[in-house]
Amino acid sequence: MAKKKVIIDTDCGIDDAQAIMMALVAPNVEVVGVTCVFGNGPLDNVCQNVLRVLSVCEREGVPVFRGSGSALVGATHPPTDHFGTDGLGDVIKEKDPKWEEKIQKEHAVSAMIRLVTENQNQVSLVALGPLTNLALAVRLDPSFPQKLKDLYIMGGNMEGKGNVSLCAEFNFAMDPESAYIVLEEYLCTTYLASWEYSCRNGLTWEFFEELINQDAPAARFMQTITSKCWAYSKKAMKNKRDLYFGPAFVSYDAYAMAACIDGSVVTEKIECPVRVEMQGSIARGMMVLDRTNELKKSHSVFVLTKCDVAKFGQLLMESLRQPLKK
């Protein structure tokens, strides 16, 4: 059976690294490219982080493309330190002096358009960071969305609960204009793994300990990059997530990737139009679900609500058993 072709658009933080590794190990997936965007760290860090993940998994042949370094409109917010200032926990001291030579010369947005045009209706796009590259792609090629097989987004929220502001989720808050454009103009089949979806389907901290203590290079890498990161400390996690949803280990971006790899992981979803709020001092960047058709929009998306946590946990476990023995 032909493998599912996937492009991963990422702002490679720790949870992105987990999601990328999940795709690399999936037997039914061919990662045709990784496109980088600012977010969990500055763009240079994101590019280097992706290269590190591919190196650990011995998959350096996957092409990596440099994309947008700031939001589409207005000033870019400084990157969060949720996963450390470099996105991978601030524990990797050695730098590859030749990392830039390993990044493709083609811009990420051009590569995205090219790869999808060459493989029309065969490519699933998994977006794990701010949606700037996707917004630019539809501006450069308005037919781009209809050439996709489908789109999976980790981002947005469905109940007005935010993690970087009172009402907005990080990826959408970092570039609300791009999130708005994508959810208005991408008419392809779209699946949204929101912040609340991720948090409501969290795993235990005991599972996290078992996950990172597996005997494999990828697991040891994950153990290292989470070792000093407060977001992976059960004691430190007294933020909005635990306040709203209770204590749990949550690997945000992996939820969107899992849905792409195995649709049966998702057990419940809502089909409805959505819109990103652009105005306001409190609600800017918030995603709104229109379940009563007030907006009279022409298309809907699938907002994920429940997942098979056991199946999801198995995908996480397998993702850290890399590189695969030849």
C-alpha atoms as a PDB file:
ATOM      1  CA  MET A   1       0.000   0.000   0.000  1.00  0.00           C
ATOM      2  CA  ALA A   2       1.278   3.478  -0.869  1.00  0.00           C
ATOM      3  CA  LYS A   3       2.490   5.517   2.048  1.00  0.00           C
ATOM      4  CA  LYS A   4       0.710   8.719   3.061  1.00  0.00           C
ATOM      5  CA  LYS A   5       2.799  11.715   1.963  1.00  0.00           C
ATOM      6  CA  VAL A   6       3.148  14.300   4.730  1.00  0.00           C
ATOM      7  CA  ILE A   7       4.635  17.800   4.980  1.00  0.00           C
ATOM      8  CA  ILE A   8       5.297  18.927   8.551  1.00  0.00           C
ATOM      9  CA  ASP A   9       5.188  22.686   9.160  1.00  0.00           C
ATOM     10  CA  THR A  10       6.796  23.277  12.537  1.00  0.00           C
ATOM     11  CA  ASP A  11       8.189  25.776  15.043  1.00  0.00           C
ATOM     12  CA  CYS A  12      10.142  22.872  16.525  1.00  0.00           C
ATOM     13  CA  GLY A  13       9.817  22.919  20.283  1.00  0.00           C
ATOM     14  CA  ILE A  14       9.895  19.804  22.446  1.00  0.00           C
ATOM     15  CA  ASP A  15       6.352  18.712  21.592  1.00  0.00           C
ATOM     16  CA  ASP A  16       7.023  19.327  17.868  1.00  0.00           C
ATOM     17  CA  ALA A  17      10.079  17.088  18.182  1.00  0.00           C
ATOM     18  CA  GLN A  18       7.842  14.378  19.626  1.00  0.00           C
ATOM     19  CA  ALA A  19       5.342  14.808  16.765  1.00  0.00           C
ATOM     20  CA  ILE A  20       8.069  14.710  14.107  1.00  0.00           C
ATOM     21  CA  MET A  21       9.477  11.511  15.598  1.00  0.00           C
ATOM     22  CA  MET A  22       5.976  10.030  15.599  1.00  0.00           C
ATOM     23  CA  ALA A  23       5.714  10.680  11.842  1.00  0.00           C
ATOM     24  CA  LEU A  24       9.214   9.351  11.118  1.00  0.00           C
ATOM     25  CA  VAL A  25       8.519   6.016  12.779  1.00  0.00           C
ATOM     26  CA  ALA A  26       5.013   5.499  11.337  1.00  0.00           C
ATOM     27  CA  PRO A  27       5.172   2.702   8.726  1.00  0.00           C
ATOM     28  CA  ASN A  28       2.350   4.225   6.675  1.00  0.00           C
ATOM     29  CA  VAL A  29       3.886   7.734   6.423  1.00  0.00           C
ATOM     30  CA  GLU A  30       6.464   9.289   4.100  1.00  0.00           C
ATOM     31  CA  VAL A  31       7.658  12.677   5.336  1.00  0.00           C
ATOM     32  CA  VAL A  32       8.370  14.515   2.074  1.00  0.00           C
ATOM     33  CA  GLY A  33       9.566  17.698   3.745  1.00  0.00           C
ATOM     34  CA  VAL A  34       9.749  19.724   6.955  1.00  0.00           C
ATOM     35  CA  THR A  35       9.055  23.458   6.700  1.00  0.00           C
ATOM     36  CA  CYS A  36      10.171  25.733   9.523  1.00  0.00           C
ATOM     37  CA  VAL A  37       8.397  28.746  11.022  1.00  0.00           C
ATOM     38  CA  PHE A  38       9.133  31.005  14.008  1.00  0.00           C
ATOM     39  CA  GLY A  39       7.267  30.298  17.246  1.00  0.00           C
ATOM     40  CA  ASN A  40       8.707  28.222  20.074  1.00  0.00           C
ATOM     41  CA  GLY A  41      12.019  29.865  19.257  1.00  0.00           C
ATOM     42  CA  PRO A  42      13.630  32.156  16.680  1.00  0.00           C
ATOM     43  CA  LEU A  43      13.747  30.697  13.162  1.00  0.00           C
ATOM     44  CA  ASP A  44      17.461  29.779  13.297  1.00  0.00           C
ATOM     45  CA  ASN A  45      16.833  27.712  16.421  1.00  0.00           C
ATOM     46  CA  VAL A  46      13.804  26.045  14.844  1.00  0.00           C
ATOM     47  CA  CYS A  47      15.850  24.971  11.808  1.00  0.00           C
ATOM     48  CA  GLN A  48      18.644  23.587  13.996  1.00  0.00           C
ATOM     49  CA  ASN A  49      16.139  21.787  16.228  1.00  0.00           C
ATOM     50  CA  VAL A  50      14.581  20.009  13.247  1.00  0.00           C
ATOM     51  CA  LEU A  51      18.025  18.927  12.045  1.00  0.00           C
ATOM     52  CA  ARG A  52      18.816  17.571  15.528  1.00  0.00           C
ATOM     53  CA  VAL A  53      15.616  15.505  15.596  1.00  0.00           C
ATOM     54  CA  LEU A  54      16.298  14.072  12.137  1.00  0.00           C
ATOM     55  CA  SER A  55      19.877  13.277  13.144  1.00  0.00           C
ATOM     56  CA  VAL A  56      18.837  11.431  16.319  1.00  0.00           C
ATOM     57  CA  CYS A  57      16.415   9.332  14.249  1.00  0.00           C
ATOM     58  CA  GLU A  58      19.036   8.816  11.505  1.00  0.00           C
ATOM     59  CA  ARG A  59      16.721  10.401   8.940  1.00  0.00           C
ATOM     60  CA  GLU A  60      18.927  13.219   7.630  1.00  0.00           C
ATOM     61  CA  GLY A  61      17.647  12.569   4.107  1.00  0.00           C
ATOM     62  CA  VAL A  62      14.364  14.360   4.855  1.00  0.00           C
ATOM     63  CA  PRO A  63      14.627  17.868   3.318  1.00  0.00           C
ATOM     64  CA  VAL A  64      14.291  20.843   5.689  1.00  0.00           C
ATOM     65  CA  PHE A  65      13.196  24.279   4.471  1.00  0.00           C
ATOM     66  CA  ARG A  66      13.518  27.687   6.138  1.00  0.00           C
ATOM     67  CA  GLY A  67      10.275  29.668   6.241  1.00  0.00           C
ATOM     68  CA  SER A  68       8.773  32.708   7.941  1.00  0.00           C
ATOM     69  CA  GLY A  69      10.695  34.338  10.771  1.00  0.00           C
ATOM     70  CA  SER A  70       7.911  36.639  11.941  1.00  0.00           C
ATOM     71  CA  ALA A  71       4.161  37.138  11.845  1.00  0.00           C
ATOM     72  CA  LEU A  72       2.372  38.207   8.676  1.00  0.00           C
ATOM     73  CA  VAL A  73       1.297  41.599  10.050  1.00  0.00           C
ATOM     74  CA  GLY A  74       2.555  43.799  12.865  1.00  0.00           C
ATOM     75  CA  ALA A  75       5.203  43.246  15.495  1.00  0.00           C
ATOM     76  CA  THR A  76       6.135  39.695  16.370  1.00  0.00           C
ATOM     77  CA  HIS A  77       5.732  38.767  20.001  1.00  0.00           C
ATOM     78  CA  PRO A  78       8.958  37.521  21.565  1.00  0.00           C
ATOM     79  CA  PRO A  79       9.042  33.710  21.547  1.00  0.00           C
ATOM     80  CA  THR A  80       7.813  32.037  24.712  1.00  0.00           C
ATOM     81  CA  ASP A  81      10.230  30.222  27.020  1.00  0.00           C
ATOM     82  CA  HIS A  82       7.705  27.413  27.524  1.00  0.00           C
ATOM     83  CA  PHE A  83      10.239  24.966  26.061  1.00  0.00           C
ATOM     84  CA  GLY A  84      13.306  27.040  26.892  1.00  0.00           C
ATOM     85  CA  THR A  85      14.666  29.962  24.903  1.00  0.00           C
ATOM     86  CA  ASP A  86      15.924  27.649  22.139  1.00  0.00           C
ATOM     87  CA  GLY A  87      12.749  25.539  21.989  1.00  0.00           C
ATOM     88  CA  LEU A  88      14.500  22.357  23.156  1.00  0.00           C
ATOM     89  CA  GLY A  89      14.967  23.002  26.846  1.00  0.00           C
ATOM     90  CA  ASP A  90      18.254  24.987  26.760  1.00  0.00           C
ATOM     91  CA  VAL A  91      20.330  21.864  27.395  1.00  0.00           C
ATOM     92  CA  ILE A  92      22.071  21.333  24.040  1.00  0.00           C
ATOM     93  CA  LYS A  93      25.325  23.271  24.169  1.00  0.00           C
ATOM     94  CA  GLU A  94      27.127  21.946  21.112  1.00  0.00           C
ATOM     95  CA  LYS A  95      26.233  23.655  17.826  1.00  0.00           C
ATOM     96  CA  ASP A  96      26.709  22.227  14.365  1.00  0.00           C
ATOM     97  CA  PRO A  97      28.840  24.889  12.606  1.00  0.00           C
ATOM     98  CA  LYS A  98      27.616  23.625   9.237  1.00  0.00           C
ATOM     99  CA  TRP A  99      23.914  23.468  10.031  1.00  0.00           C
ATOM    100  CA  GLU A 100      22.990  26.154   7.481  1.00  0.00           C
ATOM    101  CA  GLU A 101      24.479  24.057   4.688  1.00  0.00           C
ATOM    102  CA  LYS A 102      21.993  21.312   5.563  1.00  0.00           C
ATOM    103  CA  ILE A 103      18.965  23.575   5.044  1.00  0.00           C
ATOM    104  CA  GLN A 104      17.545  23.593   1.507  1.00  0.00           C
ATOM    105  CA  LYS A 105      18.057  26.802  -0.463  1.00  0.00           C
ATOM    106  CA  GLU A 106      14.403  26.882  -1.579  1.00  0.00           C
ATOM    107  CA  HIS A 107      12.098  28.905   0.683  1.00  0.00           C
ATOM    108  CA  ALA A 108       9.679  26.817   2.756  1.00  0.00           C
ATOM    109  CA  VAL A 109       6.578  28.362   1.195  1.00  0.00           C
ATOM    110  CA  SER A 110       7.830  27.743  -2.351  1.00  0.00           C
ATOM    111  CA  ALA A 111       8.764  24.175  -1.400  1.00  0.00           C
ATOM    112  CA  MET A 112       5.348  23.593   0.128  1.00  0.00           C
ATOM    113  CA  ILE A 113       3.601  24.762  -3.046  1.00  0.00           C
ATOM    114  CA  ARG A 114       5.941  22.744  -5.282  1.00  0.00           C
ATOM    115  CA  LEU A 115       5.674  19.493  -3.345  1.00  0.00           C
ATOM    116  CA  VAL A 116       1.888  19.680  -3.205  1.00  0.00           C
ATOM    117  CA  THR A 117       1.584  20.643  -6.887  1.00  0.00           C
ATOM    118  CA  GLU A 118       3.782  17.698  -7.867  1.00  0.00           C
ATOM    119  CA  ASN A 119       1.613  15.340  -5.771  1.00  0.00           C
ATOM    120  CA  GLN A 120      -1.879  16.803  -6.097  1.00  0.00           C
ATOM    121  CA  ASN A 121      -4.462  15.469  -3.627  1.00  0.00           C
ATOM    122  CA  GLN A 122      -1.847  13.131  -2.153  1.00  0.00           C
ATOM    123  CA  VAL A 123      -0.196  15.303   0.513  1.00  0.00           C
ATOM    124  CA  SER A 124      -1.401  15.760   4.089  1.00  0.00           C
ATOM    125  CA  LEU A 125      -0.118  18.989   5.629  1.00  0.00           C
ATOM    126  CA  VAL A 126       0.392  18.912   9.403  1.00  0.00           C
ATOM    127  CA  ALA A 127       0.782  22.420  10.878  1.00  0.00           C
ATOM    128  CA  LEU A 128       2.310  22.506  14.363  1.00  0.00           C
ATOM    129  CA  GLY A 129       3.245  26.190  14.760  1.00  0.00           C
ATOM    130  CA  PRO A 130       1.947  29.640  13.838  1.00  0.00           C
ATOM    131  CA  LEU A 131       0.232  29.433  10.442  1.00  0.00           C
ATOM    132  CA  THR A 132       2.339  32.089   8.683  1.00  0.00           C
ATOM    133  CA  ASN A 133       3.804  29.772   6.024  1.00  0.00           C
ATOM    134  CA  LEU A 134       0.326  28.461   5.178  1.00  0.00           C
ATOM    135  CA  ALA A 135      -1.116  31.963   4.836  1.00  0.00           C
ATOM    136  CA  LEU A 136       1.724  32.970   2.516  1.00  0.00           C
ATOM    137  CA  ALA A 137       1.222  29.796   0.454  1.00  0.00           C
ATOM    138  CA  VAL A 138      -2.426  30.604  -0.293  1.00  0.00           C
ATOM    139  CA  ARG A 139      -1.487  34.194  -1.147  1.00  0.00           C
ATOM    140  CA  LEU A 140       1.189  33.022  -3.613  1.00  0.00           C
ATOM    141  CA  ASP A 141      -1.008  30.245  -5.022  1.00  0.00           C
ATOM    142  CA  PRO A 142      -4.742  30.608  -4.301  1.00  0.00           C
ATOM    143  CA  SER A 143      -5.311  27.082  -5.632  1.00  0.00           C
ATOM    144  CA  PHE A 144      -2.862  25.583  -3.109  1.00  0.00           C
ATOM    145  CA  PRO A 145      -5.467  24.415  -0.548  1.00  0.00           C
ATOM    146  CA  GLN A 146      -7.520  22.508  -3.111  1.00  0.00           C
ATOM    147  CA  LYS A 147      -4.396  20.549  -4.122  1.00  0.00           C
ATOM    148  CA  LEU A 148      -3.964  19.204  -0.581  1.00  0.00           C
ATOM    149  CA  LYS A 149      -5.348  15.855   0.472  1.00  0.00           C
ATOM    150  CA  ASP A 150      -6.144  17.274   3.906  1.00  0.00           C
ATOM    151  CA  LEU A 151      -4.868  19.604   6.621  1.00  0.00           C
ATOM    152  CA  TYR A 152      -4.211  18.912  10.309  1.00  0.00           C
ATOM    153  CA  ILE A 153      -3.655  21.877  12.630  1.00  0.00           C
ATOM    154  CA  MET A 154      -2.518  21.916  16.239  1.00  0.00           C
ATOM    155  CA  GLY A 155      -3.794  25.239  17.426  1.00  0.00           C
ATOM    156  CA  GLY A 156      -6.716  27.380  18.413  1.00  0.00           C
ATOM    157  CA  ASN A 157      -9.208  26.790  21.168  1.00  0.00           C
ATOM    158  CA  MET A 158     -12.888  25.917  21.386  1.00  0.00           C
ATOM    159  CA  GLU A 159     -14.013  27.234  24.762  1.00  0.00           C
ATOM    160  CA  GLY A 160     -12.297  30.607  25.005  1.00  0.00           C
ATOM    161  CA  LYS A 161      -9.637  29.189  27.324  1.00  0.00           C
ATOM    162  CA  GLY A 162      -6.164  30.456  26.486  1.00  0.00           C
ATOM    163  CA  ASN A 163      -2.629  29.531  27.426  1.00  0.00           C
ATOM    164  CA  VAL A 164      -0.686  32.679  26.435  1.00  0.00           C
ATOM    165  CA  SER A 165      -3.532  35.124  26.917  1.00  0.00           C
ATOM    166  CA  LEU A 166      -6.876  34.861  28.670  1.00  0.00           C
ATOM    167  CA  CYS A 167      -8.678  33.685  25.525  1.00  0.00           C
ATOM    168  CA  ALA A 168      -6.101  32.600  22.913  1.00  0.00           C
ATOM    169  CA  GLU A 169      -3.906  29.580  22.281  1.00  0.00           C
ATOM    170  CA  PHE A 170      -0.196  30.154  21.536  1.00  0.00           C
ATOM    171  CA  ASN A 171       0.035  29.230  17.825  1.00  0.00           C
ATOM    172  CA  PHE A 172      -2.957  31.380  16.875  1.00  0.00           C
ATOM    173  CA  ALA A 173      -2.004  34.223  19.223  1.00  0.00           C
ATOM    174  CA  MET A 174       1.459  34.487  17.634  1.00  0.00           C
ATOM    175  CA  ASP A 175      -0.077  35.265  14.226  1.00  0.00           C
ATOM    176  CA  PRO A 176      -3.857  35.801  14.348  1.00  0.00           C
ATOM    177  CA  GLU A 177      -3.998  37.181  10.789  1.00  0.00           C
ATOM    178  CA  SER A 178      -2.483  34.008   9.356  1.00  0.00           C
ATOM    179  CA  ALA A 179      -4.767  31.793  11.436  1.00  0.00           C
ATOM    180  CA  TYR A 180      -7.739  33.809  10.157  1.00  0.00           C
ATOM    181  CA  ILE A 181      -6.648  33.488   6.516  1.00  0.00           C
ATOM    182  CA  VAL A 182      -6.080  29.733   6.769  1.00  0.00           C
ATOM    183  CA  LEU A 183      -9.425  29.006   8.404  1.00  0.00           C
ATOM    184  CA  GLU A 184     -11.262  31.211   5.910  1.00  0.00           C
ATOM    185  CA  GLU A 185      -9.502  30.192   2.699  1.00  0.00           C
ATOM    186  CA  TYR A 186      -8.383  26.572   3.128  1.00  0.00           C
ATOM    187  CA  LEU A 187     -11.483  24.749   1.927  1.00  0.00           C
ATOM    188  CA  CYS A 188      -9.807  21.321   2.004  1.00  0.00           C
ATOM    189  CA  THR A 189     -10.765  18.778   4.660  1.00  0.00           C
ATOM    190  CA  THR A 190      -9.362  20.271   7.860  1.00  0.00           C
ATOM    191  CA  TYR A 191      -8.907  18.760  11.312  1.00  0.00           C
ATOM    192  CA  LEU A 192      -8.198  20.968  14.334  1.00  0.00           C
ATOM    193  CA  ALA A 193      -6.510  19.637  17.465  1.00  0.00           C
ATOM    194  CA  SER A 194      -7.185  22.528  19.822  1.00  0.00           C
ATOM    195  CA  TRP A 195      -5.529  23.371  23.118  1.00  0.00           C
ATOM    196  CA  GLU A 196      -8.499  22.038  25.084  1.00  0.00           C
ATOM    197  CA  TYR A 197      -8.574  18.815  23.057  1.00  0.00           C
ATOM    198  CA  SER A 198      -4.930  18.155  23.877  1.00  0.00           C
ATOM    199  CA  CYS A 199      -5.348  18.956  27.567  1.00  0.00           C
ATOM    200  CA  ARG A 200      -8.561  16.958  27.990  1.00  0.00           C
ATOM    201  CA  ASN A 201      -6.887  13.872  26.549  1.00  0.00           C
ATOM    202  CA  GLY A 202      -3.715  14.096  28.605  1.00  0.00           C
ATOM    203  CA  LEU A 203      -1.712  11.175  29.959  1.00  0.00           C
ATOM    204  CA  THR A 204      -0.343  10.498  33.424  1.00  0.00           C
ATOM    205  CA  TRP A 205       3.056  11.692  34.601  1.00  0.00           C
ATOM    206  CA  GLU A 206       3.833   8.037  35.332  1.00  0.00           C
ATOM    207  CA  PHE A 207       3.330   7.358  31.614  1.00  0.00           C
ATOM    208  CA  PHE A 208       5.746  10.210  30.806  1.00  0.00           C
ATOM    209  CA  GLU A 209       8.429   8.635  33.011  1.00  0.00           C
ATOM    210  CA  GLU A 210       7.958   5.283  31.273  1.00  0.00           C
ATOM    211  CA  LEU A 211       8.041   7.030  27.875  1.00  0.00           C
ATOM    212  CA  ILE A 212      11.382   8.799  28.298  1.00  0.00           C
ATOM    213  CA  ASN A 213      13.089   5.916  30.128  1.00  0.00           C
ATOM    214  CA  GLN A 214      12.921   3.530  27.185  1.00  0.00           C
ATOM    215  CA  ASP A 215      16.242   2.148  25.977  1.00  0.00           C
ATOM    216  CA  ALA A 216      16.614   3.911  22.624  1.00  0.00           C
ATOM    217  CA  PRO A 217      18.449   7.003  21.298  1.00  0.00           C
ATOM    218  CA  ALA A 218      15.223   8.969  20.656  1.00  0.00           C
ATOM    219  CA  ALA A 219      13.989   8.310  24.197  1.00  0.00           C
ATOM    220  CA  ARG A 220      17.336   9.390  25.672  1.00  0.00           C
ATOM    221  CA  PHE A 221      17.187  12.556  23.527  1.00  0.00           C
ATOM    222  CA  MET A 222      13.681  13.320  24.835  1.00  0.00           C
ATOM    223  CA  GLN A 223      14.831  12.658  28.387  1.00  0.00           C
ATOM    224  CA  THR A 224      17.679  15.156  27.913  1.00  0.00           C
ATOM    225  CA  ILE A 225      15.629  17.982  26.365  1.00  0.00           C
ATOM    226  CA  THR A 226      12.869  17.692  28.988  1.00  0.00           C
ATOM    227  CA  SER A 227      15.272  17.363  31.949  1.00  0.00           C
ATOM    228  CA  LYS A 228      15.428  21.065  32.873  1.00  0.00           C
ATOM    229  CA  CYS A 229      12.215  22.278  31.226  1.00  0.00           C
ATOM    230  CA  TRP A 230       9.564  23.481  33.678  1.00  0.00           C
ATOM    231  CA  ALA A 231       6.791  22.507  31.236  1.00  0.00           C
ATOM    232  CA  TYR A 232       7.798  18.865  31.761  1.00  0.00           C
ATOM    233  CA  SER A 233       7.917  19.085  35.532  1.00  0.00           C
ATOM    234  CA  LYS A 234       4.885  17.754  37.379  1.00  0.00           C
ATOM    235  CA  LYS A 235       5.684  20.041  40.327  1.00  0.00           C
ATOM    236  CA  ALA A 236       6.069  23.182  38.207  1.00  0.00           C
ATOM    237  CA  MET A 237       2.895  22.721  36.170  1.00  0.00           C
ATOM    238  CA  LYS A 238       0.528  24.834  38.231  1.00  0.00           C
ATOM    239  CA  ASN A 239      -0.372  27.064  35.307  1.00  0.00           C
ATOM    240  CA  LYS A 240      -3.666  27.539  33.449  1.00  0.00           C
ATOM    241  CA  ARG A 241      -3.558  24.036  31.993  1.00  0.00           C
ATOM    242  CA  ASP A 242      -3.629  22.281  35.359  1.00  0.00           C
ATOM    243  CA  LEU A 243      -6.044  24.860  36.762  1.00  0.00           C
ATOM    244  CA  TYR A 244      -8.544  24.202  33.953  1.00  0.00           C
ATOM    245  CA  PHE A 245      -8.047  20.520  33.247  1.00  0.00           C
ATOM    246  CA  GLY A 246      -6.227  18.947  36.191  1.00  0.00           C
ATOM    247  CA  PRO A 247      -2.665  17.575  36.241  1.00  0.00           C
ATOM    248  CA  ALA A 248      -1.529  15.592  33.190  1.00  0.00           C
ATOM    249  CA  PHE A 249       1.351  15.088  30.787  1.00  0.00           C
ATOM    250  CA  VAL A 250       0.364  16.751  27.491  1.00  0.00           C
ATOM    251  CA  SER A 251       2.437  16.586  24.290  1.00  0.00           C
ATOM    252  CA  TYR A 252       0.365  19.127  22.349  1.00  0.00           C
ATOM    253  CA  ASP A 253       1.573  18.773  18.777  1.00  0.00           C
ATOM    254  CA  ALA A 254       1.563  14.988  18.884  1.00  0.00           C
ATOM    255  CA  TYR A 255      -2.256  15.017  18.971  1.00  0.00           C
ATOM    256  CA  ALA A 256      -2.529  16.537  15.488  1.00  0.00           C
ATOM    257  CA  MET A 257       0.138  14.179  14.169  1.00  0.00           C
ATOM    258  CA  ALA A 258      -1.553  11.134  15.682  1.00  0.00           C
ATOM    259  CA  ALA A 259      -4.828  12.073  13.973  1.00  0.00           C
ATOM    260  CA  CYS A 260      -2.997  12.247  10.637  1.00  0.00           C
ATOM    261  CA  ILE A 261      -1.201   8.929  11.121  1.00  0.00           C
ATOM    262  CA  ASP A 262      -4.205   6.965  12.380  1.00  0.00           C
ATOM    263  CA  GLY A 263      -7.679   8.486  12.094  1.00  0.00           C
ATOM    264  CA  SER A 264      -9.083   5.895  14.509  1.00  0.00           C
ATOM    265  CA  VAL A 265      -7.218   7.644  17.337  1.00  0.00           C
ATOM    266  CA  VAL A 266      -9.934  10.322  17.155  1.00  0.00           C
ATOM    267  CA  THR A 267     -13.158   9.006  18.685  1.00  0.00           C
ATOM    268  CA  GLU A 268     -15.295  12.170  18.658  1.00  0.00           C
ATOM    269  CA  LYS A 269     -15.258  15.411  16.680  1.00  0.00           C
ATOM    270  CA  ILE A 270     -17.503  18.373  15.930  1.00  0.00           C
ATOM    271  CA  GLU A 271     -18.108  19.483  12.337  1.00  0.00           C
ATOM    272  CA  CYS A 272     -18.839  23.196  12.201  1.00  0.00           C
ATOM    273  CA  PRO A 273     -17.584  26.521  10.795  1.00  0.00           C
ATOM    274  CA  VAL A 274     -14.957  28.378  12.818  1.00  0.00           C
ATOM    275  CA  ARG A 275     -13.519  31.873  12.795  1.00  0.00           C
ATOM    276  CA  VAL A 276     -10.527  33.538  14.436  1.00  0.00           C
ATOM    277  CA  GLU A 277     -11.233  36.758  16.321  1.00  0.00           C
ATOM    278  CA  MET A 278      -8.996  39.569  15.071  1.00  0.00           C
ATOM    279  CA  GLN A 279      -9.950  42.447  17.363  1.00  0.00           C
ATOM    280  CA  GLY A 280     -10.058  43.193  21.042  1.00  0.00           C
ATOM    281  CA  SER A 281      -7.609  43.455  23.893  1.00  0.00           C
ATOM    282  CA  ILE A 282      -8.774  40.183  25.443  1.00  0.00           C
ATOM    283  CA  ALA A 283     -10.088  37.942  22.658  1.00  0.00           C
ATOM    284  CA  ARG A 284      -7.627  38.598  19.793  1.00  0.00           C
ATOM    285  CA  GLY A 285      -6.464  35.257  18.362  1.00  0.00           C
ATOM    286  CA  MET A 286      -9.311  33.283  19.934  1.00  0.00           C
ATOM    287  CA  MET A 287     -11.038  30.688  17.745  1.00  0.00           C
ATOM    288  CA  VAL A 288     -14.829  30.663  17.796  1.00  0.00           C
ATOM    289  CA  LEU A 289     -16.971  27.629  16.927  1.00  0.00           C
ATOM    290  CA  ASP A 290     -20.133  28.543  15.017  1.00  0.00           C
ATOM    291  CA  ARG A 291     -22.426  25.637  15.887  1.00  0.00           C
ATOM    292  CA  THR A 292     -25.607  27.577  15.062  1.00  0.00           C
ATOM    293  CA  ASN A 293     -24.485  28.853  11.611  1.00  0.00           C
ATOM    294  CA  GLU A 294     -24.612  32.506  12.605  1.00  0.00           C
ATOM    295  CA  LEU A 295     -21.677  33.340  10.310  1.00  0.00           C
ATOM    296  CA  LYS A 296     -23.273  31.717   7.229  1.00  0.00           C
ATOM    297  CA  LYS A 297     -19.900  30.342   6.160  1.00  0.00           C
ATOM    298  CA  SER A 298     -19.633  28.050   3.149  1.00  0.00           C
ATOM    299  CA  HIS A 299     -17.409  25.435   4.739  1.00  0.00           C
ATOM    300  CA  SER A 300     -16.858  23.629   8.016  1.00  0.00           C
ATOM    301  CA  VAL A 301     -13.880  22.012   9.723  1.00  0.00           C
ATOM    302  CA  PHE A 302     -13.581  19.040  12.050  1.00  0.00           C
ATOM    303  CA  VAL A 303     -12.801  20.137  15.609  1.00  0.00           C
ATOM    304  CA  LEU A 304     -11.472  17.128  17.510  1.00  0.00           C
ATOM    305  CA  THR A 305     -12.926  16.514  20.969  1.00  0.00           C
ATOM    306  CA  LYS A 306     -12.073  12.996  22.179  1.00  0.00           C
ATOM    307  CA  CYS A 307      -9.342  10.493  21.422  1.00  0.00           C
ATOM    308  CA  ASP A 308      -8.453   6.919  22.223  1.00  0.00           C
ATOM    309  CA  VAL A 309      -5.829   7.716  24.838  1.00  0.00           C
ATOM    310  CA  ALA A 310      -4.466   4.154  24.894  1.00  0.00           C
ATOM    311  CA  LYS A 311      -3.875   4.191  21.129  1.00  0.00           C
ATOM    312  CA  PHE A 312      -2.362   7.665  21.343  1.00  0.00           C
ATOM    313  CA  GLY A 313      -0.044   6.545  24.138  1.00  0.00           C
ATOM    314  CA  GLN A 314       1.103   3.600  22.040  1.00  0.00           C
ATOM    315  CA  LEU A 315       2.014   5.934  19.157  1.00  0.00           C
ATOM    316  CA  LEU A 316       4.020   8.057  21.603  1.00  0.00           C
ATOM    317  CA  MET A 317       5.842   5.006  22.941  1.00  0.00           C
ATOM    318  CA  GLU A 318       6.739   3.827  19.446  1.00  0.00           C
ATOM    319  CA  SER A 319       7.929   7.296  18.435  1.00  0.00           C
ATOM    320  CA  LEU A 320      10.840   7.156  20.898  1.00  0.00           C
ATOM    321  CA  ARG A 321      12.055   3.693  19.846  1.00  0.00           C
ATOM    322  CA  GLN A 322      14.343   5.170  17.188  1.00  0.00           C
ATOM    323  CA  PRO A 323      16.398   4.843  15.109  1.00  0.00           C
ATOM    324  CA  LEU A 324      14.828   1.616  13.915  1.00  0.00           C
ATOM    325  CA  LYS A 325      17.162  -1.354  13.866  1.00  0.00           C
ATOM    326  CA  LYS A 326      18.138  -2.246  10.306  1.00  0.00           C
END
